[in-house]
Amino acid sequence: MSLPTSAFDYHLPPELIAQFPSEQRGDSRLLVVRRSGGQAVDGRFRELASLLAPGDLLVLNTTRVRHARLLGRRASGAPAEVLLIHPSVEDTWIALGRPGSALQPGKRIELGDGLAVETLEVLEDGLRLVRLLGGSAEAVMRRIGKLPLPPYIDRDPTPADDLRYQTVFATREGSVAAPTAGLHFTTELLRRLESGGVRIACLELEVGPGTFKPVETEDPAEHPMHAERYEIPATLPAAVAAARARGAAVWAVGTTVVRALESAARADGTLAPGTAETDLLITPGYRFRIVDRLITNFHLPRSTLLMLVAAFAGYDATMNAYAEAIRLGYRFYSYGDAMAIL
């Protein structure tokens, strides 16, 4: 029998929710969790290289966060905002917005300078089909778009966030949230890993707003899982196969990489290249085909991300690690500290 959603609840003191990144990128704590015995050892992220063996494969998510939050006003003059999630057809976009009453079909949100967002259709789960007026969505985001910080960061974005809420290896824009486990990596650490014989590979998964959506059903299987686009480059399946052949471990940097790799996994443990969407829900009892090690941040209670971590590390080891992280005063969530599960 699967675990109920309430089993993934825990109490987090509000002061442990990181509101700002660490002073220097990579200057974070790292809780090292060993699945074999459930031990959790306090460390520093800069010591990560000591955990990887020569020949191991480290897989990164190279997605970049769009400046997708648009602030404007309704016809009444009252404030409203729109979050552009991903393009649809014929220059339209899938979006979220608030208040919902401002995003009804035919209504517009004025953004200033002759720019506006017009709602065309109300979709499921509060989503909207919208069109940008006065300029392309890409141009509007470049001109006036705001970085969409997570809802638990209770402040407006600063110029520093434009740098620190992106990974150093981010390339093509496509996400509304960062793959946060990757935020800890510096170019110097990546060079050190490579010089030590670690192989580095990349994929792309576009992180959507559903990543922050709590599971509201007591049976996780009834949760409407959000779909996210991912792309497995043609070179990645060979890199995974080569790691297997030399007896090396495949490391996933973040739950987004886990979802992409496991969604593209074939029954025989090989990886299928290409672009697809995944709505894979990973909960305890799932059999992992690709991922051997996981680097991840600490996730919200009752979230699908916490369930994924518990599926990988084991439920008891995960909840004990979270309790230890709280006891040690670790910083949680997007700008918080990390854990490595071996």
Foldseek 3Di string as FASTA:
>chain_A
DFAWLVLQADDFDLVLADLDFPPDFQAAKAWEAELVVLDTDIGGSLCVLVVFAALAEEEAAQAWAFLQKAWFAWPVRHIKIKGFAAADPDLKTKIAMPPLVQQDAQTWTDRDPQKIKGFHDQDPPRITIIHIPPDHSNVCRVPGRAQQDDPSNPDGDDPVCNPQQHAPNHDYYRASHGLQLRSRDDPVSVVVNVVNNYHYHYKHKHYYPQQQPFAPGRHSVPGQFDKIKIFADPCVQVSQVVSVVVVHFHEYRHPRSQQQQQVQADPVLTGDGGMDMDRDQAAAPDDRRRHDKYKYFADHGRGSRLRNVCNRSPVVSSVVNVVVCSVVSWRGDRSTHMYMYD
